[in-house]
Amino acid sequence: MTTTLERYGVATLGERTIASPLGLSGADPRGARSRYVAEGTRVLDQVELAPGASVDVERALEKAGPRERIYFEPERMRAGIVTSGGLCPGVNNVIRAMVFELVHRYAIAEVLGFRFGFAGLDPASGGVAPMALGLDVVRDAHRFGGTILGTSRGAHDPAVMVDTLVARGVDVLFAIGGGGTMAGAHAIAGEIARRGARIGVIGLPKTIDNDIAFVDKTFGFETAVAVARTAIDAAHAEARSVQGGVGLVKLMGRDAGFIAAHAAMASHDVNVCLVPEVPFRLDGPTGLLRHLERRLRERGHAVIVVGEGCGAELLGAGAAPRDASGNLSFQASELDIGLHLQRELSRHFEARGLPITIKYIDPSYMLRGLPAGALDAEFSADLARHAVHAAMAGKTDMMIGRLHRVFTHVPLALVLSKAKRIDPDGELWLAVTEATGQPSFV
């Protein structure tokens, strides 16, 4: 039986025998100042205790940061980077910072960028040859959205991908992506371990939905919220400019409504926020439509924000199309909650003879394809540097995270053990309902 301590433990490739070239001062067991991080320094998973409860020290993550002794000989080391899944602001920032850290600070031999996701590790997928990521190649990458390596979705045989890593002489693979990418990286690490090979696998959490467990924030999320707020501001201006005006904004969030929730709170002008985690109904005395009748009668306008994943619950996932990774396609007409709400609102108010003007805004892909904002640019670079430190120390089958504002090493098996969602009874959703003034729609 696996103990809690084992679940939180990080795998390593072997003993670290090489002095770090970073030239920092010695490890400080207190974790203070800019020193090497002493092995065994931990960050508690849970920092809030109920009355009478005690601290569970086994539920603690390794603290990230440079180690005084490293596993790889930098001058003989080759690293690989792959980006997978949907786009997200900050991907190029991560790539650039990683290359600069590997080349400038550790002076490793070579960095390869595998093209178009895990397909770049699978010759049968028509994978394009990897590109050499030198300093000149990545120097201005952070100024652009998207990913200079390209991306894709879909599963590939871990054995084939490991064959490619071995053939290319890759010592560490950095996988930048969301939950599906972390699952793929974990499978690759498992195949490497089965073969007894010495190749590290380090994940970096990239999901615009901010829905990866054991991470308080993923890069690109703050940029997405800022863009979403701009869309909400436009919807509010449209709604209040006419009698019976309704601004309807659909935002990204397949299974988690963090973008919708935070954008609604940032706006201060949202009257209804709907997210996948919190059930709601349209009809009936406590339904959304009746609430909007009262709102329009009293105030003359309303702004609604809805997370795209609400379509699965309200419309049913049944025969809806899925992408190559098996995710529901919420842009498809069968699941488009924005268009559905627009139709239902029009039908309901027309049947009652009440005038209404709906302005529907869907900025979905604008949230993904832009360059990172200032805070995300800083955060992306921090994640990248910590990933490099972990890789050089011989860590593997793990992801760089940040919890309680401290960077950590999270075993990929632990990352994949649960999902991060809005708690309908938690502080975040309470804050949303207080900001919007909305009731429960059940």
Protein backbone atom coordinates (compact mmCIF):
# COMPACT_ATOMS: atom_id res chain seq x y z
CA MET A 1 0.00 0.00 0.00
CA THR A 2 1.38 3.42 -0.99
CA THR A 3 1.84 5.79 1.94
CA THR A 4 1.11 9.51 1.82
CA LEU A 5 4.82 10.26 2.04
CA GLU A 6 5.53 8.04 -0.97
CA ARG A 7 2.75 9.70 -2.99
CA TYR A 8 4.39 13.08 -2.40
CA GLY A 9 7.92 11.82 -3.06
CA VAL A 10 9.71 12.76 -6.31
CA ALA A 11 11.61 10.19 -8.39
CA THR A 12 15.27 10.81 -9.21
CA LEU A 13 17.57 9.38 -11.85
CA GLY A 14 20.41 8.76 -9.43
CA GLU A 15 22.93 10.27 -7.08
CA ARG A 16 23.95 13.88 -7.64
CA THR A 17 27.72 14.00 -7.75
CA ILE A 18 28.51 17.08 -9.84
CA ALA A 19 28.98 20.55 -8.39
CA SER A 20 26.45 23.04 -9.73
CA PRO A 21 27.98 25.64 -12.07
CA LEU A 22 25.66 28.37 -10.77
CA GLY A 23 28.12 29.56 -8.12
CA LEU A 24 25.55 30.34 -5.42
CA SER A 25 26.28 30.25 -1.71
CA GLY A 26 25.75 27.02 0.23
CA ALA A 27 22.34 25.51 0.90
CA ASP A 28 20.42 27.16 3.71
CA PRO A 29 18.31 24.64 5.67
CA ARG A 30 15.91 27.46 6.56
CA GLY A 31 15.30 28.16 2.86
CA ALA A 32 16.28 31.79 3.29
CA ARG A 33 17.90 34.08 0.73
CA SER A 34 19.06 33.19 -2.78
CA ARG A 35 20.91 30.02 -1.97
CA TYR A 36 20.79 26.45 -3.13
CA VAL A 37 17.74 24.65 -1.80
CA ALA A 38 18.61 21.99 0.74
CA GLU A 39 17.25 18.58 -0.24
CA GLY A 40 14.36 17.66 2.00
CA THR A 41 12.98 21.20 2.24
CA ARG A 42 9.21 20.82 2.03
CA VAL A 43 6.12 22.95 1.37
CA LEU A 44 2.96 21.92 3.20
CA ASP A 45 0.03 21.03 0.96
CA GLN A 46 -2.57 22.16 3.49
CA VAL A 47 -1.82 25.35 5.42
CA GLU A 48 -5.25 25.87 6.98
CA LEU A 49 -6.11 23.80 10.03
CA ALA A 50 -9.51 23.17 11.56
CA PRO A 51 -9.78 23.72 15.33
CA GLY A 52 -8.02 20.87 17.12
CA ALA A 53 -6.40 19.47 13.97
CA SER A 54 -2.67 18.82 13.70
CA VAL A 55 -0.27 19.39 10.82
CA ASP A 56 0.11 16.38 8.53
CA VAL A 57 3.81 16.70 7.67
CA GLU A 58 3.59 13.83 5.18
CA ARG A 59 1.34 15.90 2.95
CA ALA A 60 4.16 18.15 1.84
CA LEU A 61 5.80 18.80 -1.52
CA GLU A 62 9.47 19.18 -2.30
CA LYS A 63 10.52 22.80 -2.56
CA ALA A 64 11.78 23.70 -6.03
CA GLY A 65 14.99 25.56 -6.73
CA PRO A 66 18.66 25.03 -7.61
CA ARG A 67 20.52 22.20 -5.92
CA GLU A 68 24.14 22.45 -4.81
CA ARG A 69 25.03 19.22 -6.60
CA ILE A 70 23.50 18.12 -9.89
CA TYR A 71 23.08 14.84 -11.73
CA PHE A 72 23.98 15.68 -15.34
CA GLU A 73 27.28 16.84 -16.77
CA PRO A 74 26.11 20.02 -18.52
CA GLU A 75 28.64 19.98 -21.35
CA ARG A 76 27.47 16.51 -22.40
CA MET A 77 23.74 17.06 -21.94
CA ARG A 78 20.98 17.43 -24.52
CA ALA A 79 17.49 18.65 -23.58
CA GLY A 80 14.22 18.44 -25.51
CA ILE A 81 11.13 20.64 -25.25
CA VAL A 82 7.60 19.84 -26.44
CA THR A 83 4.41 21.93 -26.26
CA SER A 84 1.06 20.15 -26.46
CA GLY A 85 -2.66 20.88 -26.19
CA GLY A 86 -4.40 24.22 -26.62
CA LEU A 87 -2.66 27.56 -26.88
CA CYS A 88 -2.08 29.73 -23.85
CA PRO A 89 -0.43 33.13 -23.28
CA GLY A 90 3.13 32.62 -22.04
CA VAL A 91 4.16 29.41 -23.81
CA ASN A 92 6.88 31.19 -25.76
CA ASN A 93 8.02 32.93 -22.59
CA VAL A 94 8.52 29.53 -20.98
CA ILE A 95 10.46 28.21 -23.98
CA ARG A 96 12.69 31.27 -24.13
CA ALA A 97 13.45 31.35 -20.40
CA MET A 98 14.18 27.62 -20.39
CA VAL A 99 16.63 27.87 -23.27
CA PHE A 100 18.36 30.87 -21.71
CA GLU A 101 18.70 29.08 -18.35
CA LEU A 102 19.97 25.86 -19.93
CA VAL A 103 22.46 27.57 -22.22
CA HIS A 104 23.53 30.67 -20.29
CA ARG A 105 23.51 29.37 -16.72
CA TYR A 106 24.22 25.66 -17.11
CA ALA A 107 26.02 25.76 -20.50
CA ILE A 108 24.50 22.49 -21.72
CA ALA A 109 25.43 21.10 -25.13
CA GLU A 110 22.14 21.41 -27.04
CA VAL A 111 18.40 22.11 -26.77
CA LEU A 112 15.99 20.53 -29.26
CA GLY A 113 12.41 21.66 -29.83
CA PHE A 114 10.07 18.86 -30.92
CA ARG A 115 7.47 20.13 -33.38
CA PHE A 116 3.67 20.02 -33.11
CA GLY A 117 3.23 18.34 -29.76
CA PHE A 118 3.84 14.67 -29.04
CA ALA A 119 3.38 14.03 -32.77
CA GLY A 120 6.93 15.36 -33.10
CA LEU A 121 8.12 12.35 -31.10
CA ASP A 122 6.22 9.89 -33.30
CA PRO A 123 7.63 9.35 -36.82
CA ALA A 124 4.42 7.57 -37.86
CA SER A 125 2.50 10.82 -37.33
CA GLY A 126 4.49 12.53 -40.01
CA GLY A 127 6.45 14.34 -37.35
CA VAL A 128 8.61 17.23 -38.51
CA ALA A 129 12.29 17.04 -37.52
CA PRO A 130 13.06 18.86 -34.26
CA MET A 131 14.51 22.34 -34.40
CA ALA A 132 17.69 23.44 -32.65
CA LEU A 133 16.73 26.02 -30.03
CA GLY A 134 19.67 28.36 -29.82
CA LEU A 135 19.65 31.74 -28.15
CA ASP A 136 19.11 33.56 -31.45
CA VAL A 137 16.10 31.39 -32.27
CA VAL A 138 14.23 32.12 -29.03
CA ARG A 139 15.49 35.66 -28.33
CA ASP A 140 12.28 37.43 -29.39
CA ALA A 141 9.84 34.54 -28.93
CA HIS A 142 8.25 36.10 -25.85
CA ARG A 143 6.88 38.96 -27.94
CA PHE A 144 4.43 36.67 -29.73
CA GLY A 145 1.44 34.56 -28.77
CA GLY A 146 1.06 30.88 -29.61
CA THR A 147 4.04 28.52 -29.57
CA ILE A 148 7.07 28.64 -31.85
CA LEU A 149 7.20 24.82 -31.66
CA GLY A 150 3.62 24.23 -32.74
CA THR A 151 1.15 22.01 -30.91
CA SER A 152 -1.33 19.18 -31.41
CA ARG A 153 -3.69 16.91 -29.51
CA GLY A 154 -4.04 13.14 -29.37
CA ALA A 155 -2.33 10.13 -27.80
CA HIS A 156 0.86 8.48 -29.08
CA ASP A 157 2.63 5.26 -28.14
CA PRO A 158 5.02 5.96 -25.22
CA ALA A 159 7.42 3.28 -26.47
CA VAL A 160 7.72 5.01 -29.85
CA MET A 161 8.26 8.40 -28.21
CA VAL A 162 10.97 7.02 -25.93
CA ASP A 163 12.63 5.42 -28.96
CA THR A 164 12.82 8.92 -30.48
CA LEU A 165 14.32 10.40 -27.31
CA VAL A 166 16.95 7.66 -27.21
CA ALA A 167 17.76 8.00 -30.90
CA ARG A 168 18.15 11.77 -30.52
CA GLY A 169 20.31 11.41 -27.41
CA VAL A 170 17.91 13.46 -25.27
CA ASP A 171 18.69 13.41 -21.54
CA VAL A 172 15.70 15.43 -20.32
CA LEU A 173 12.30 16.08 -21.91
CA PHE A 174 10.37 19.18 -20.82
CA ALA A 175 6.64 18.79 -21.55
CA ILE A 176 4.58 22.01 -21.50
CA GLY A 177 0.85 21.40 -21.38
CA GLY A 178 -2.32 20.68 -19.44
CA GLY A 179 -3.76 17.56 -17.86
CA GLY A 180 -3.58 15.49 -21.05
CA THR A 181 0.04 16.50 -21.59
CA MET A 182 0.92 15.61 -17.99
CA ALA A 183 -0.69 12.18 -18.52
CA GLY A 184 1.41 11.73 -21.67
CA ALA A 185 4.58 12.80 -19.85
CA HIS A 186 3.80 10.38 -17.02
CA ALA A 187 3.38 7.55 -19.54
CA ILE A 188 6.71 8.45 -21.16
CA ALA A 189 8.41 8.48 -17.74
CA GLY A 190 6.88 5.08 -16.99
CA GLU A 191 8.26 3.61 -20.22
CA ILE A 192 11.68 5.11 -19.48
CA ALA A 193 11.65 3.55 -16.01
CA ARG A 194 10.58 0.18 -17.44
CA ARG A 195 13.62 0.22 -19.70
CA GLY A 196 15.95 1.33 -16.92
CA ALA A 197 17.00 4.34 -19.01
CA ARG A 198 18.34 7.56 -17.53
CA ILE A 199 16.14 10.21 -19.12
CA GLY A 200 14.37 12.83 -17.05
CA VAL A 201 10.80 14.00 -17.70
CA ILE A 202 9.71 17.37 -16.31
CA GLY A 203 6.21 18.81 -16.79
CA LEU A 204 5.24 22.49 -16.79
CA PRO A 205 1.54 23.23 -16.19
CA LYS A 206 -0.06 25.02 -19.14
CA THR A 207 -3.82 25.32 -18.95
CA ILE A 208 -5.70 28.52 -19.49
CA ASP A 209 -8.51 27.09 -17.33
CA ASN A 210 -6.23 27.01 -14.24
CA ASP A 211 -7.56 23.53 -13.45
CA ILE A 212 -4.44 21.51 -12.55
CA ALA A 213 -4.34 20.22 -8.97
CA PHE A 214 -1.63 21.17 -6.46
CA VAL A 215 -1.02 24.45 -8.30
CA ASP A 216 -2.40 27.77 -7.11
CA LYS A 217 -2.02 29.37 -10.56
CA THR A 218 -1.07 28.35 -14.08
CA PHE A 219 0.65 30.70 -16.49
CA GLY A 220 -1.56 32.55 -18.97
CA PHE A 221 -4.51 32.61 -16.59
CA GLU A 222 -4.13 36.23 -15.49
CA THR A 223 -3.79 37.36 -19.11
CA ALA A 224 -6.94 35.42 -20.00
CA VAL A 225 -8.89 37.02 -17.15
CA ALA A 226 -7.77 40.48 -18.22
CA VAL A 227 -8.92 39.90 -21.82
CA ALA A 228 -12.19 38.38 -20.58
CA ARG A 229 -12.84 41.46 -18.47
CA THR A 230 -12.48 43.63 -21.59
CA ALA A 231 -15.19 41.56 -23.28
CA ILE A 232 -17.42 41.91 -20.21
CA ASP A 233 -16.90 45.68 -20.16
CA ALA A 234 -18.06 45.83 -23.80
CA ALA A 235 -21.10 43.68 -23.00
CA HIS A 236 -21.97 45.96 -20.09
CA ALA A 237 -21.74 49.07 -22.27
CA GLU A 238 -24.03 47.47 -24.86
CA ALA A 239 -26.55 46.30 -22.25
CA ARG A 240 -26.96 49.58 -20.40
CA SER A 241 -27.27 51.59 -23.63
CA VAL A 242 -30.74 50.22 -24.44
CA GLN A 243 -33.90 49.42 -22.52
CA GLY A 244 -34.05 45.71 -21.78
CA GLY A 245 -30.42 45.21 -22.78
CA VAL A 246 -28.67 41.94 -21.97
CA GLY A 247 -24.95 41.43 -22.45
CA LEU A 248 -24.09 37.72 -22.72
CA VAL A 249 -20.42 36.66 -22.62
CA LYS A 250 -19.23 33.07 -23.04
CA LEU A 251 -15.78 32.29 -21.68
CA MET A 252 -13.45 29.30 -21.83
CA GLY A 253 -13.60 26.64 -19.13
CA ARG A 254 -14.34 23.05 -20.13
CA ASP A 255 -14.70 21.54 -16.67
CA ALA A 256 -13.70 24.41 -14.41
CA GLY A 257 -15.09 27.95 -14.36
CA PHE A 258 -12.13 29.82 -12.92
CA ILE A 259 -11.86 32.29 -15.83
CA ALA A 260 -15.57 33.11 -15.67
CA ALA A 261 -15.51 33.45 -11.87
CA HIS A 262 -12.44 35.69 -11.66
CA ALA A 263 -13.41 37.80 -14.68
CA ALA A 264 -16.85 38.36 -13.17
CA MET A 265 -15.31 39.54 -9.91
CA ALA A 266 -12.76 41.72 -11.71
CA SER A 267 -15.50 43.39 -13.75
CA HIS A 268 -17.85 44.40 -10.89
CA ASP A 269 -20.59 44.73 -13.54
CA VAL A 270 -21.67 41.08 -13.89
CA ASN A 271 -25.12 40.20 -12.60
CA VAL A 272 -25.08 36.46 -13.26
CA CYS A 273 -22.09 34.11 -13.47
CA LEU A 274 -22.62 30.49 -14.51
CA VAL A 275 -19.86 27.86 -14.18
CA PRO A 276 -19.76 24.09 -14.85
CA GLU A 277 -19.29 23.17 -11.18
CA VAL A 278 -22.46 24.86 -9.91
CA PRO A 279 -25.79 23.42 -11.14
CA PHE A 280 -28.45 25.81 -12.41
CA ARG A 281 -31.81 25.67 -14.16
CA LEU A 282 -33.43 28.02 -16.61
CA ASP A 283 -37.12 27.53 -15.89
CA GLY A 284 -39.19 27.54 -12.72
CA PRO A 285 -39.69 30.08 -9.91
CA THR A 286 -36.00 29.89 -8.88
CA GLY A 287 -34.61 29.58 -12.40
CA LEU A 288 -32.37 31.97 -14.30
CA LEU A 289 -35.12 33.26 -16.60
CA ARG A 290 -37.39 34.35 -13.75
CA HIS A 291 -34.45 36.08 -12.05
CA LEU A 292 -33.66 37.99 -15.26
CA GLU A 293 -37.28 39.13 -15.51
CA ARG A 294 -36.98 40.71 -12.08
CA ARG A 295 -33.56 42.19 -12.86
CA LEU A 296 -34.70 43.81 -16.12
CA ARG A 297 -37.90 45.11 -14.54
CA GLU A 298 -35.97 46.74 -11.70
CA ARG A 299 -32.71 47.85 -13.38
CA GLY A 300 -33.38 47.76 -17.12
CA HIS A 301 -30.29 45.79 -18.12
CA ALA A 302 -28.24 42.72 -17.16
CA VAL A 303 -24.83 41.15 -17.85
CA ILE A 304 -24.43 37.36 -17.90
CA VAL A 305 -21.11 35.47 -17.97
CA VAL A 306 -21.16 31.75 -18.68
CA GLY A 307 -18.37 29.18 -18.78
CA GLU A 308 -18.41 27.04 -21.93
CA GLY A 309 -18.49 23.79 -19.95
CA CYS A 310 -22.02 24.55 -18.74
CA GLY A 311 -23.17 23.19 -22.08
CA ALA A 312 -22.37 19.60 -21.12
CA GLU A 313 -24.67 19.69 -18.09
CA LEU A 314 -27.52 21.69 -19.61
CA LEU A 315 -27.51 20.28 -23.15
CA GLY A 316 -26.08 16.79 -22.56
CA ALA A 317 -22.81 15.41 -23.92
CA GLY A 318 -24.46 12.50 -25.79
CA ALA A 319 -23.37 12.50 -29.43
CA ALA A 320 -21.46 15.79 -29.26
CA PRO A 321 -18.16 15.84 -31.20
CA ARG A 322 -14.81 15.46 -29.46
CA ASP A 323 -11.28 16.52 -30.35
CA ALA A 324 -8.28 14.22 -30.89
CA SER A 325 -7.65 14.06 -27.14
CA GLY A 326 -11.23 13.01 -26.38
CA ASN A 327 -12.31 16.39 -25.01
CA LEU A 328 -15.82 17.60 -25.77
CA SER A 329 -15.90 20.31 -28.45
CA PHE A 330 -17.81 23.11 -26.78
CA GLN A 331 -17.61 25.25 -29.93
CA ALA A 332 -19.86 22.72 -31.69
CA SER A 333 -23.49 23.78 -32.09
CA GLU A 334 -24.67 20.81 -29.99
CA LEU A 335 -22.85 22.13 -26.91
CA ASP A 336 -22.59 25.89 -27.47
CA ILE A 337 -24.09 27.17 -24.22
CA GLY A 338 -23.82 30.80 -25.38
CA LEU A 339 -25.98 30.31 -28.45
CA HIS A 340 -28.39 28.14 -26.44
CA LEU A 341 -28.85 30.82 -23.78
CA GLN A 342 -29.30 33.47 -26.46
CA ARG A 343 -32.10 31.44 -28.05
CA GLU A 344 -33.77 30.62 -24.73
CA LEU A 345 -33.68 34.21 -23.55
CA SER A 346 -35.20 35.43 -26.82
CA ARG A 347 -37.90 32.75 -26.72
CA HIS A 348 -38.80 33.36 -23.07
CA PHE A 349 -39.10 37.15 -23.24
CA GLU A 350 -40.84 37.14 -26.62
CA ALA A 351 -43.45 34.71 -25.25
CA ARG A 352 -44.13 37.16 -22.41
CA GLY A 353 -44.27 40.19 -24.65
CA LEU A 354 -41.29 41.78 -22.89
CA PRO A 355 -38.80 43.74 -25.05
CA ILE A 356 -35.20 42.53 -24.87
CA THR A 357 -32.01 43.24 -26.84
CA ILE A 358 -29.26 40.62 -26.51
CA LYS A 359 -25.63 41.23 -27.42
CA TYR A 360 -23.70 37.96 -27.44
CA ILE A 361 -19.89 38.08 -27.22
CA ASP A 362 -17.65 35.01 -27.51
CA PRO A 363 -13.97 36.02 -27.12
CA SER A 364 -12.81 32.43 -26.55
CA TYR A 365 -9.77 32.23 -28.83
CA MET A 366 -8.74 35.79 -28.06
CA LEU A 367 -7.96 34.55 -24.56
CA ARG A 368 -5.54 31.92 -25.86
CA GLY A 369 -3.55 33.43 -28.70
CA LEU A 370 -2.25 36.70 -27.24
CA PRO A 371 1.23 37.34 -25.79
CA ALA A 372 1.48 37.06 -22.02
CA GLY A 373 0.75 40.08 -19.87
CA ALA A 374 3.36 41.42 -17.48
CA LEU A 375 2.57 39.18 -14.49
CA ASP A 376 2.23 36.06 -16.63
CA ALA A 377 5.50 36.86 -18.41
CA GLU A 378 7.29 37.00 -15.06
CA PHE A 379 5.56 33.89 -13.76
CA SER A 380 6.28 31.90 -16.95
CA ALA A 381 9.98 32.62 -16.69
CA ASP A 382 10.04 31.62 -13.02
CA LEU A 383 8.39 28.28 -13.83
CA ALA A 384 10.88 27.67 -16.63
CA ARG A 385 13.93 28.31 -14.48
CA HIS A 386 12.67 26.05 -11.70
CA ALA A 387 11.99 23.31 -14.26
CA VAL A 388 15.59 23.54 -15.44
CA HIS A 389 16.93 23.35 -11.88
CA ALA A 390 14.83 20.23 -11.24
CA ALA A 391 16.00 18.59 -14.46
CA MET A 392 19.67 19.27 -13.78
CA ALA A 393 19.26 17.75 -10.31
CA GLY A 394 18.06 14.50 -11.91
CA LYS A 395 14.42 14.83 -10.89
CA THR A 396 11.94 13.02 -13.12
CA ASP A 397 8.28 12.08 -13.56
CA MET A 398 7.30 15.35 -11.91
CA MET A 399 5.81 18.77 -12.63
CA ILE A 400 6.87 22.20 -11.50
CA GLY A 401 4.06 23.86 -9.58
CA ARG A 402 3.49 26.80 -7.30
CA LEU A 403 1.53 26.42 -4.09
CA HIS A 404 1.04 29.10 -1.44
CA ARG A 405 3.30 31.29 -3.63
CA VAL A 406 6.22 28.83 -3.30
CA PHE A 407 7.50 26.80 -6.27
CA THR A 408 7.35 23.05 -5.76
CA HIS A 409 8.06 19.63 -7.27
CA VAL A 410 4.83 17.66 -7.76
CA PRO A 411 4.97 13.96 -8.77
CA LEU A 412 2.99 13.50 -11.98
CA ALA A 413 1.03 10.62 -10.44
CA LEU A 414 -0.11 13.02 -7.72
CA VAL A 415 -0.99 15.71 -10.27
CA LEU A 416 -3.20 13.22 -12.11
CA SER A 417 -4.84 11.84 -8.95
CA LYS A 418 -7.47 14.57 -8.73
CA ALA A 419 -8.92 17.55 -10.55
CA LYS A 420 -8.96 21.17 -9.46
CA ARG A 421 -12.46 22.62 -9.49
CA ILE A 422 -14.47 25.47 -7.96
CA ASP A 423 -16.03 24.37 -4.68
CA PRO A 424 -19.69 25.49 -4.72
CA ASP A 425 -19.43 25.83 -0.93
CA GLY A 426 -16.00 27.46 -0.93
CA GLU A 427 -14.72 31.01 -0.54
CA LEU A 428 -14.29 31.67 -4.26
CA TRP A 429 -17.88 30.92 -5.19
CA LEU A 430 -19.14 32.86 -2.16
CA ALA A 431 -17.14 35.84 -3.41
CA VAL A 432 -18.67 35.47 -6.89
CA THR A 433 -22.24 35.38 -5.58
CA GLU A 434 -21.57 38.37 -3.34
CA ALA A 435 -20.09 40.32 -6.25
CA THR A 436 -22.97 39.53 -8.61
CA GLY A 437 -25.81 39.39 -6.07
CA GLN A 438 -27.18 36.31 -7.80
CA PRO A 439 -29.25 33.67 -6.00
CA SER A 440 -29.04 29.91 -6.38
CA PHE A 441 -30.68 28.82 -9.64
CA VAL A 442 -31.81 25.38 -8.48
